Amino acid sequence: MVRSRFAPSPTGYIHIGGIRTALFAFLLAKKAQGRFILRIEDTDKARESEGADQHIIDCLNALSLAYDEGPKKRGEFGPYIQSERLDIYKEWANKLIASGRAYPDPRTKEELDALRDQAKASKQAFLIRNFRPQETLDWQPGTLLRFKSDPKDYTWHDEVMGELSFPASSVDDFVLIKSDGFPTYNFAHVVDDHLMQISHVLRGQEFVSSVPNYLNLHEALKIEHPLYATLPHVLNEQGNKKLSKRDGAKDVLEYVKEGYLEEALVSFIATLGWNDGTTQEIYNLDELVDKFSLARIQRSGAMLDMKRLNWINGSLIRQLDENRLMDKIKNYWPAEAKDYPEEYKKRVAKALQQRLKYFAETPDLSLFFFKDQPLNLELIEKDKLLGPIERQTLKDWLSLSKERLSQSDFSENDLSDKLNGLLKETNQKPGVLFSLLRIAVTMVPSSPGLAETMSILGQDVCFKRIDALAAAL
């Protein structure tokens, strides 16, 4: 059975690079009708953030990546939180001690830091091999426990990167158990993946150079290693470095709060470094499960392209039916919309639907529907077409427009007819006359279609705003 896992550390939020690992592991398991496991690797207590374990679960839930086994879900291989598995790691550490493949290291952090600085100064890798204290010591809590490596060259098959090789010089005596009694990642994940019968380990490129150590440990424990699949980096928007928290990568839930649809995020994240060989741009989760394959993951980095995410999200927003549109937009209305009837807001939402890239844009794009905006003559003065026209001419057009539109029932279709008639009567292009009227009734640089906008606002509001601009001119 295919058993994949997502095993994050609860050290803060999860950005898109992290959740992509979870998504690919989920798709791999579901495609094979296997099991997707969540394991919380909380052995670095100094970096742990309060509430981060629940945040991890919330991120998975936000994208409908339901795990089959893990925290708060029963499974025969639990516990699924590493801090609850300390006795298990001690048992396996004792196996290594008994077989002569682990030893205590009584050196202090300061002594080890000095050796590390010395290696850095001489431009050498910091490696420890076969260190022995002057006298034989029994390992006791509070003392580092190191793996006694058996350095050798390694070649292995990676499900994404193909054949990979590293020389014996990359293998060292890494720490198994820290002085605080907690295991290191290098030790704990090997034990857990074996006991939880993980078949595939998906993780980022930064772990590739450590795989020889993992293979060496597997041999010492006399256990088989899982299949490895190394995922290429997700790069920042400039494409020049790995996306990281340090450089301000946003939390997954921040995208949700900004009004990106679950379907858009899933489709966008899945196609960061993966494609099915077709020209399809947007996928739902079921389609991704059906089409996913490790063989279609690219080996090079994938750039975080926000324009593409906005395009995907906007496309999916335009496909929403009225009920789901209103449900998604309800928390984004400006405060001024509070007392407006629901039917009015439905009309506004429908007008915005063709323009929204994400729902957090709603307040800025819709405020003029609910509140008169300050007069801003710069919108006319800086317009390439309207700016050079004499103000009296603009006033005359506004007056004529108001006169002709007073004969309209202010339905969208009738307004369209009346506005097109005004174009012929004034012998002007839409870019001139319609821009003037749009500025008059909205006081914003861009808006939905003029006829639709004026129909929603109604005659009284439109004429009041036209009069205000004419007086300002």
Protein backbone atom coordinates (compact mmCIF):
# COMPACT_ATOMS: atom_id res chain seq x y z
CA MET A 1 0.00 0.00 0.00
CA VAL A 2 1.17 3.52 -0.78
CA ARG A 3 1.54 5.39 2.51
CA SER A 4 2.75 8.97 2.21
CA ARG A 5 3.15 11.54 4.94
CA PHE A 6 3.32 15.24 5.64
CA ALA A 7 5.61 15.79 8.61
CA PRO A 8 6.03 19.48 9.40
CA SER A 9 7.59 21.04 12.48
CA PRO A 10 5.23 23.29 14.48
CA THR A 11 7.51 26.30 14.25
CA GLY A 12 5.09 28.86 12.81
CA TYR A 13 2.99 29.31 9.73
CA ILE A 14 3.09 27.24 6.54
CA HIS A 15 3.85 28.92 3.22
CA ILE A 16 3.01 27.65 -0.24
CA GLY A 17 6.24 25.65 -0.58
CA GLY A 18 5.39 23.67 2.54
CA ILE A 19 1.76 23.03 1.70
CA ARG A 20 2.77 21.90 -1.81
CA THR A 21 4.65 18.99 -0.19
CA ALA A 22 1.46 18.07 1.66
CA LEU A 23 -0.64 18.35 -1.51
CA PHE A 24 1.70 16.15 -3.58
CA ALA A 25 1.85 13.55 -0.78
CA PHE A 26 -1.95 13.62 -0.55
CA LEU A 27 -2.40 13.23 -4.32
CA LEU A 28 0.12 10.37 -4.46
CA ALA A 29 -1.72 8.44 -1.74
CA LYS A 30 -5.21 9.08 -3.08
CA LYS A 31 -4.24 8.19 -6.65
CA ALA A 32 -3.09 4.76 -5.37
CA GLN A 33 -6.02 4.44 -2.94
CA GLY A 34 -3.46 4.49 -0.15
CA ARG A 35 -3.14 6.40 3.11
CA PHE A 36 -2.07 9.99 3.78
CA ILE A 37 -0.54 10.53 7.23
CA LEU A 38 0.05 13.71 9.19
CA ARG A 39 2.92 13.57 11.69
CA ILE A 40 3.91 16.54 13.85
CA GLU A 41 7.68 16.63 14.28
CA ASP A 42 7.98 18.71 17.45
CA THR A 43 11.43 17.73 18.70
CA ASP A 44 12.99 21.21 18.36
CA LYS A 45 11.41 22.80 21.42
CA ALA A 46 13.44 26.01 21.12
CA ARG A 47 11.78 26.84 17.78
CA GLU A 48 8.28 25.59 18.54
CA SER A 49 5.40 28.10 18.30
CA GLU A 50 2.32 27.87 20.48
CA GLY A 51 -0.73 26.75 18.52
CA ALA A 52 1.31 25.84 15.44
CA ASP A 53 0.19 22.20 15.47
CA GLN A 54 -3.47 23.25 15.17
CA HIS A 55 -2.47 25.79 12.53
CA ILE A 56 -0.99 22.97 10.45
CA ILE A 57 -4.29 21.09 10.66
CA ASP A 58 -6.22 24.25 9.77
CA CYS A 59 -4.07 24.74 6.65
CA LEU A 60 -4.74 21.18 5.48
CA ASN A 61 -8.46 21.56 6.16
CA ALA A 62 -8.56 24.85 4.23
CA LEU A 63 -7.51 22.96 1.09
CA SER A 64 -9.57 19.81 1.85
CA LEU A 65 -6.43 17.71 2.30
CA ALA A 66 -7.95 15.34 4.84
CA TYR A 67 -5.38 13.04 6.41
CA ASP A 68 -6.26 9.41 7.13
CA GLU A 69 -4.05 9.04 10.20
CA GLY A 70 -2.57 11.61 12.51
CA PRO A 71 -3.27 13.84 15.50
CA LYS A 72 -6.93 13.69 16.57
CA LYS A 73 -7.48 10.72 14.24
CA ARG A 74 -7.03 7.15 15.31
CA GLY A 75 -4.47 4.99 13.59
CA GLU A 76 -2.61 1.82 14.45
CA PHE A 77 0.80 3.49 14.15
CA GLY A 78 0.35 6.36 16.62
CA PRO A 79 1.12 8.48 18.48
CA TYR A 80 1.57 10.87 15.54
CA ILE A 81 3.24 13.63 17.56
CA GLN A 82 6.95 12.99 18.05
CA SER A 83 7.15 14.42 21.57
CA GLU A 84 4.77 11.60 22.58
CA ARG A 85 7.13 8.97 21.12
CA LEU A 86 10.28 9.59 23.21
CA ASP A 87 10.33 6.06 24.69
CA ILE A 88 10.26 4.65 21.16
CA TYR A 89 13.35 6.66 20.16
CA LYS A 90 15.21 5.61 23.33
CA GLU A 91 14.45 1.97 22.52
CA TRP A 92 15.90 2.31 19.02
CA ALA A 93 18.85 4.32 20.32
CA ASN A 94 19.65 1.50 22.73
CA LYS A 95 19.63 -0.93 19.78
CA LEU A 96 22.34 1.16 18.14
CA ILE A 97 24.32 1.36 21.36
CA ALA A 98 24.10 -2.40 21.81
CA SER A 99 25.33 -3.02 18.27
CA GLY A 100 28.21 -0.56 18.69
CA ARG A 101 26.69 1.98 16.27
CA ALA A 102 26.10 4.81 18.76
CA TYR A 103 28.20 6.49 21.41
CA PRO A 104 27.93 9.36 23.91
CA ASP A 105 29.63 12.67 23.20
CA PRO A 106 30.32 14.55 26.46
CA ARG A 107 31.55 17.72 24.78
CA THR A 108 29.72 20.94 25.56
CA LYS A 109 27.93 23.14 23.06
CA GLU A 110 30.73 25.68 23.39
CA GLU A 111 33.37 23.10 22.54
CA LEU A 112 31.43 21.93 19.51
CA ASP A 113 30.79 25.53 18.38
CA ALA A 114 34.54 26.16 18.56
CA LEU A 115 35.20 23.16 16.32
CA ARG A 116 32.51 24.34 13.93
CA ASP A 117 34.06 27.83 13.75
CA GLN A 118 37.48 26.26 13.18
CA ALA A 119 36.15 24.25 10.24
CA LYS A 120 34.49 27.33 8.80
CA ALA A 121 37.69 29.36 9.10
CA SER A 122 39.63 26.67 7.21
CA LYS A 123 36.80 26.43 4.65
CA GLN A 124 36.14 22.79 5.41
CA ALA A 125 32.90 20.94 6.05
CA PHE A 126 32.17 20.43 9.72
CA LEU A 127 32.16 16.66 10.10
CA ILE A 128 32.57 14.44 13.12
CA ARG A 129 33.67 10.87 12.63
CA ASN A 130 34.44 8.15 15.14
CA PHE A 131 35.06 10.53 18.00
CA ARG A 132 35.77 8.71 21.24
CA PRO A 133 36.03 10.19 24.71
CA GLN A 134 39.25 9.31 26.53
CA GLU A 135 37.37 6.89 28.71
CA THR A 136 34.37 4.72 27.93
CA LEU A 137 31.18 6.40 29.07
CA ASP A 138 27.67 5.08 29.43
CA TRP A 139 25.11 7.25 27.72
CA GLN A 140 22.99 9.16 30.20
CA PRO A 141 20.21 11.71 29.67
CA GLY A 142 21.72 15.16 29.29
CA THR A 143 24.53 13.88 27.07
CA LEU A 144 24.59 13.88 23.29
CA LEU A 145 24.26 10.51 21.66
CA ARG A 146 25.98 10.21 18.29
CA PHE A 147 25.61 7.73 15.48
CA LYS A 148 28.78 5.79 14.69
CA SER A 149 28.81 6.09 10.92
CA ASP A 150 30.28 3.72 8.39
CA PRO A 151 31.19 6.21 5.63
CA LYS A 152 30.81 4.97 2.07
CA ASP A 153 29.78 6.23 -1.35
CA TYR A 154 26.05 6.10 -2.02
CA THR A 155 23.99 5.98 -5.19
CA TRP A 156 20.22 5.77 -5.03
CA HIS A 157 17.20 6.30 -7.23
CA ASP A 158 15.04 9.34 -6.59
CA GLU A 159 11.49 9.18 -7.96
CA VAL A 160 11.79 12.74 -9.29
CA MET A 161 15.49 13.49 -9.73
CA GLY A 162 16.56 10.08 -11.06
CA GLU A 163 19.93 8.59 -10.06
CA LEU A 164 21.70 10.57 -7.34
CA SER A 165 25.16 10.02 -5.87
CA PHE A 166 27.15 11.39 -2.95
CA PRO A 167 30.67 10.43 -1.83
CA ALA A 168 31.61 8.93 1.53
CA SER A 169 32.79 12.36 2.67
CA SER A 170 29.14 13.40 3.08
CA VAL A 171 28.55 10.82 5.83
CA ASP A 172 29.37 11.76 9.42
CA ASP A 173 28.60 10.92 13.05
CA PHE A 174 25.45 12.99 13.39
CA VAL A 175 23.58 13.46 16.66
CA LEU A 176 20.81 10.98 17.44
CA ILE A 177 19.61 12.26 20.81
CA LYS A 178 20.20 15.84 21.95
CA SER A 179 21.20 16.83 25.47
CA ASP A 180 17.57 17.80 26.21
CA GLY A 181 16.52 14.19 25.65
CA PHE A 182 14.75 14.83 22.35
CA PRO A 183 15.81 13.06 19.15
CA THR A 184 17.09 14.95 16.13
CA TYR A 185 15.14 15.04 12.90
CA ASN A 186 17.83 12.85 11.29
CA PHE A 187 17.11 10.04 13.74
CA ALA A 188 13.41 10.38 14.59
CA HIS A 189 12.04 10.54 11.06
CA VAL A 190 13.93 7.40 10.03
CA VAL A 191 12.48 5.46 12.97
CA ASP A 192 8.98 6.87 12.47
CA ASP A 193 8.89 6.28 8.71
CA HIS A 194 9.85 2.65 9.32
CA LEU A 195 7.35 2.04 12.13
CA MET A 196 4.54 3.85 10.33
CA GLN A 197 5.27 1.84 7.16
CA ILE A 198 5.76 4.95 5.02
CA SER A 199 6.32 3.90 1.42
CA HIS A 200 7.18 7.30 -0.09
CA VAL A 201 8.97 10.28 1.44
CA LEU A 202 8.42 13.56 -0.42
CA ARG A 203 10.54 16.52 0.68
CA GLY A 204 12.54 19.49 -0.56
CA GLN A 205 15.93 19.66 -2.22
CA GLU A 206 17.62 20.90 0.94
CA PHE A 207 17.55 17.34 2.32
CA VAL A 208 19.30 15.65 -0.60
CA SER A 209 22.82 15.99 0.80
CA SER A 210 21.69 14.32 4.04
CA VAL A 211 20.25 11.22 2.38
CA PRO A 212 23.59 9.30 2.63
CA ASN A 213 23.41 9.73 6.40
CA TYR A 214 19.84 8.39 6.37
CA LEU A 215 20.85 5.43 4.22
CA ASN A 216 23.77 4.70 6.56
CA LEU A 217 21.41 4.75 9.53
CA HIS A 218 18.93 2.45 7.78
CA GLU A 219 21.73 -0.06 7.24
CA ALA A 220 22.81 0.17 10.87
CA LEU A 221 19.22 -0.46 12.01
CA LYS A 222 18.80 -3.24 9.43
CA ILE A 223 15.64 -1.70 7.98
CA GLU A 224 14.62 -0.88 4.41
CA HIS A 225 14.44 2.74 3.38
CA PRO A 226 11.30 4.17 1.71
CA LEU A 227 11.21 5.53 -1.82
CA TYR A 228 12.47 9.10 -1.97
CA ALA A 229 10.96 11.86 -4.11
CA THR A 230 12.80 15.18 -4.02
CA LEU A 231 10.67 18.19 -4.86
CA PRO A 232 12.20 21.22 -6.63
CA HIS A 233 12.17 24.53 -4.80
CA VAL A 234 9.29 26.94 -5.04
CA LEU A 235 11.04 30.20 -5.91
CA ASN A 236 10.04 33.74 -4.96
CA GLU A 237 8.23 36.05 -7.39
CA GLN A 238 11.54 37.22 -8.86
CA GLY A 239 12.63 33.62 -9.45
CA ASN A 240 16.07 34.24 -7.96
CA LYS A 241 15.86 32.44 -4.61
CA LYS A 242 13.89 29.85 -2.67
CA LEU A 243 10.60 31.01 -1.21
CA SER A 244 11.04 31.30 2.56
CA LYS A 245 9.46 32.66 5.71
CA ARG A 246 12.55 34.76 6.27
CA ASP A 247 11.86 36.69 3.08
CA GLY A 248 8.20 37.29 3.86
CA ALA A 249 6.50 34.32 2.20
CA LYS A 250 2.83 34.48 3.16
CA ASP A 251 1.05 31.92 5.29
CA VAL A 252 -1.39 29.66 3.45
CA LEU A 253 -4.28 30.89 5.61
CA GLU A 254 -3.41 34.47 4.70
CA TYR A 255 -4.38 33.68 1.11
CA VAL A 256 -7.64 32.23 2.40
CA LYS A 257 -8.31 35.38 4.43
CA GLU A 258 -7.65 37.51 1.35
CA GLY A 259 -10.43 35.70 -0.47
CA TYR A 260 -8.65 33.17 -2.65
CA LEU A 261 -10.89 30.20 -3.33
CA GLU A 262 -9.84 26.77 -2.12
CA GLU A 263 -10.09 25.41 -5.67
CA ALA A 264 -7.85 28.16 -7.02
CA LEU A 265 -5.17 27.60 -4.38
CA VAL A 266 -5.17 23.84 -4.89
CA SER A 267 -4.93 24.16 -8.68
CA PHE A 268 -2.24 26.85 -8.48
CA ILE A 269 -0.10 25.02 -5.91
CA ALA A 270 -0.38 21.69 -7.73
CA THR A 271 0.97 23.22 -10.93
CA LEU A 272 4.02 24.72 -9.23
CA GLY A 273 6.49 22.24 -10.66
CA TRP A 274 3.98 19.68 -11.98
CA ASN A 275 1.89 19.35 -15.12
CA ASP A 276 0.01 16.53 -16.77
CA GLY A 277 1.47 17.17 -20.22
CA THR A 278 -1.62 18.98 -21.52
CA THR A 279 -2.53 22.65 -21.91
CA GLN A 280 -5.11 22.49 -19.11
CA GLU A 281 -4.68 25.42 -16.72
CA ILE A 282 -7.20 24.84 -13.92
CA TYR A 283 -7.91 21.56 -12.11
CA ASN A 284 -10.25 20.51 -9.34
CA LEU A 285 -9.03 18.16 -6.62
CA ASP A 286 -10.64 15.07 -8.15
CA GLU A 287 -8.97 15.78 -11.49
CA LEU A 288 -5.61 16.20 -9.77
CA VAL A 289 -5.98 12.88 -7.97
CA ASP A 290 -6.78 11.19 -11.29
CA LYS A 291 -3.93 12.81 -13.23
CA PHE A 292 -1.15 13.06 -10.62
CA SER A 293 2.14 11.24 -11.13
CA LEU A 294 5.58 11.71 -9.59
CA ALA A 295 6.98 11.24 -13.10
CA ARG A 296 5.40 14.56 -14.16
CA ILE A 297 7.14 16.63 -11.45
CA GLN A 298 9.81 18.82 -12.99
CA ARG A 299 13.37 18.90 -11.67
CA SER A 300 13.86 22.67 -11.86
CA GLY A 301 12.45 25.29 -9.52
CA ALA A 302 8.96 26.75 -9.97
CA MET A 303 8.42 30.49 -9.60
CA LEU A 304 5.58 31.86 -7.47
CA ASP A 305 3.61 33.76 -10.12
CA MET A 306 0.95 35.86 -8.36
CA LYS A 307 -0.47 37.08 -11.67
CA ARG A 308 -1.22 33.49 -12.55
CA LEU A 309 -2.84 32.82 -9.17
CA ASN A 310 -4.98 35.94 -9.61
CA TRP A 311 -5.99 34.81 -13.09
CA ILE A 312 -6.97 31.34 -11.85
CA ASN A 313 -8.88 32.75 -8.89
CA GLY A 314 -10.64 35.38 -11.00
CA SER A 315 -11.66 32.75 -13.53
CA LEU A 316 -13.18 30.60 -10.80
CA ILE A 317 -14.93 33.57 -9.16
CA ARG A 318 -16.65 34.28 -12.48
CA GLN A 319 -18.01 30.72 -12.50
CA LEU A 320 -19.66 30.97 -9.07
CA ASP A 321 -23.43 30.83 -8.91
CA GLU A 322 -25.26 33.62 -7.11
CA ASN A 323 -25.62 31.80 -3.79
CA ARG A 324 -21.96 30.85 -3.50
CA LEU A 325 -20.86 34.28 -4.70
CA MET A 326 -22.88 35.97 -1.97
CA ASP A 327 -21.60 33.51 0.63
CA LYS A 328 -17.98 34.17 -0.31
CA ILE A 329 -18.29 37.94 -0.56
CA LYS A 330 -20.37 38.49 2.60
CA ASN A 331 -17.40 39.10 4.91
CA TYR A 332 -15.71 41.59 2.58
CA TRP A 333 -18.34 44.30 2.14
CA PRO A 334 -17.25 47.77 3.30
CA ALA A 335 -18.82 48.94 6.56
CA GLU A 336 -20.97 51.39 4.60
CA ALA A 337 -22.85 48.47 3.01
CA LYS A 338 -24.29 47.35 6.34
CA ASP A 339 -27.72 49.00 6.00
CA TYR A 340 -28.25 48.30 2.30
CA PRO A 341 -30.82 45.63 1.31
CA GLU A 342 -29.60 42.21 0.27
CA GLU A 343 -31.05 42.55 -3.24
CA TYR A 344 -29.01 45.70 -3.81
CA LYS A 345 -25.84 43.97 -2.66
CA LYS A 346 -26.60 41.04 -4.96
CA ARG A 347 -26.63 43.41 -7.92
CA VAL A 348 -23.34 44.96 -6.78
CA ALA A 349 -21.78 41.52 -6.30
CA LYS A 350 -22.85 40.47 -9.79
CA ALA A 351 -21.29 43.62 -11.23
CA LEU A 352 -18.02 42.99 -9.35
CA GLN A 353 -17.90 39.31 -10.26
CA GLN A 354 -16.33 40.02 -13.63
CA ARG A 355 -13.60 42.17 -12.10
CA LEU A 356 -12.59 40.54 -8.82
CA LYS A 357 -9.28 38.74 -8.65
CA TYR A 358 -9.77 37.92 -4.96
CA PHE A 359 -12.48 38.95 -2.51
CA ALA A 360 -10.36 41.28 -0.39
CA GLU A 361 -10.58 43.71 -3.32
CA THR A 362 -14.31 44.11 -2.64
CA PRO A 363 -14.18 47.18 -0.33
CA ASP A 364 -12.08 49.27 -2.72
CA LEU A 365 -14.01 48.19 -5.81
CA SER A 366 -17.46 48.61 -4.32
CA LEU A 367 -17.33 51.57 -1.92
CA PHE A 368 -18.76 54.05 -4.44
CA PHE A 369 -21.92 51.93 -4.63
CA PHE A 370 -22.57 52.65 -0.96
CA LYS A 371 -21.04 56.08 -0.34
CA ASP A 372 -20.43 59.28 -2.32
CA GLN A 373 -16.73 59.62 -3.01
CA PRO A 374 -14.79 62.89 -2.65
CA LEU A 375 -14.69 64.98 -5.81
CA ASN A 376 -11.39 64.43 -7.56
CA LEU A 377 -10.85 66.57 -10.65
CA GLU A 378 -7.44 65.00 -11.17
CA LEU A 379 -9.23 61.97 -12.60
CA ILE A 380 -10.22 64.24 -15.49
CA GLU A 381 -7.10 66.40 -15.63
CA LYS A 382 -4.77 63.39 -15.84
CA ASP A 383 -6.94 61.53 -18.36
CA LYS A 384 -5.22 61.64 -21.76
CA LEU A 385 -8.51 62.14 -23.61
CA LEU A 386 -10.49 64.27 -21.15
CA GLY A 387 -7.66 66.43 -19.84
CA PRO A 388 -7.22 68.64 -22.93
CA ILE A 389 -10.97 69.31 -23.35
CA GLU A 390 -12.30 72.65 -22.13
CA ARG A 391 -14.27 72.45 -18.91
CA GLN A 392 -17.29 74.20 -20.40
CA THR A 393 -17.53 71.50 -23.03
CA LEU A 394 -17.41 68.82 -20.34
CA LYS A 395 -20.16 70.64 -18.42
CA ASP A 396 -22.30 70.84 -21.56
CA TRP A 397 -21.92 67.09 -22.10
CA LEU A 398 -22.89 66.37 -18.50
CA SER A 399 -25.97 68.58 -18.85
CA LEU A 400 -27.02 66.95 -22.10
CA SER A 401 -26.42 63.47 -20.67
CA LYS A 402 -28.57 64.19 -17.65
CA GLU A 403 -31.36 65.52 -19.89
CA ARG A 404 -31.36 62.47 -22.16
CA LEU A 405 -30.97 59.96 -19.31
CA SER A 406 -33.91 61.51 -17.47
CA GLN A 407 -36.05 59.85 -20.13
CA SER A 408 -34.70 56.39 -19.23
CA ASP A 409 -36.35 53.88 -16.90
CA PHE A 410 -32.78 53.15 -15.67
CA SER A 411 -32.88 49.50 -16.60
CA GLU A 412 -29.50 48.37 -17.88
CA ASN A 413 -30.74 47.74 -21.43
CA ASP A 414 -32.51 51.08 -21.71
CA LEU A 415 -29.51 52.93 -20.30
CA SER A 416 -27.31 51.22 -22.90
CA ASP A 417 -29.59 52.47 -25.66
CA LYS A 418 -29.67 56.02 -24.28
CA LEU A 419 -25.89 56.12 -23.78
CA ASN A 420 -25.26 54.91 -27.34
CA GLY A 421 -27.64 57.60 -28.55
CA LEU A 422 -25.56 60.19 -26.68
CA LEU A 423 -22.43 59.00 -28.48
CA LYS A 424 -24.06 59.74 -31.82
CA GLU A 425 -25.49 63.06 -30.67
CA THR A 426 -22.17 64.34 -29.31
CA ASN A 427 -20.10 62.64 -32.01
CA GLN A 428 -17.78 61.32 -29.28
CA LYS A 429 -16.10 57.98 -28.63
CA PRO A 430 -16.92 55.86 -25.55
CA GLY A 431 -13.41 56.54 -24.24
CA VAL A 432 -14.33 60.22 -23.95
CA LEU A 433 -18.03 60.54 -23.08
CA PHE A 434 -18.40 57.32 -21.12
CA SER A 435 -15.20 58.03 -19.18
CA LEU A 436 -16.60 61.44 -18.20
CA LEU A 437 -19.88 59.93 -17.00
CA ARG A 438 -18.10 57.08 -15.20
CA ILE A 439 -15.94 59.55 -13.29
CA ALA A 440 -19.00 61.61 -12.48
CA VAL A 441 -21.02 58.76 -10.97
CA THR A 442 -18.18 56.78 -9.32
CA MET A 443 -15.15 59.05 -8.77
CA VAL A 444 -12.85 56.04 -9.23
CA PRO A 445 -10.36 55.25 -12.02
CA SER A 446 -12.22 52.15 -13.19
CA SER A 447 -15.54 50.44 -12.57
CA PRO A 448 -17.93 47.83 -14.00
CA GLY A 449 -19.80 48.64 -17.22
CA LEU A 450 -21.31 52.14 -17.21
CA ALA A 451 -24.91 51.11 -17.92
CA GLU A 452 -24.81 48.39 -15.28
CA THR A 453 -23.21 50.72 -12.73
CA MET A 454 -25.73 53.52 -13.31
CA SER A 455 -28.65 51.09 -13.20
CA ILE A 456 -27.54 49.81 -9.79
CA LEU A 457 -26.92 53.30 -8.40
CA GLY A 458 -30.26 54.55 -9.61
CA GLN A 459 -31.32 57.86 -11.15
CA ASP A 460 -31.32 59.98 -7.99
CA VAL A 461 -27.76 59.08 -7.00
CA CYS A 462 -26.43 59.36 -10.55
CA PHE A 463 -27.97 62.78 -11.15
CA LYS A 464 -26.82 64.09 -7.78
CA ARG A 465 -23.24 63.04 -8.57
CA ILE A 466 -23.38 64.43 -12.11
CA ASP A 467 -24.56 67.76 -10.71
CA ALA A 468 -21.72 67.74 -8.17
CA LEU A 469 -19.07 67.23 -10.83
CA ALA A 470 -20.61 69.87 -13.10
CA ALA A 471 -20.54 72.38 -10.23
CA ALA A 472 -16.90 71.51 -9.47
CA LEU A 473 -15.98 72.03 -13.10
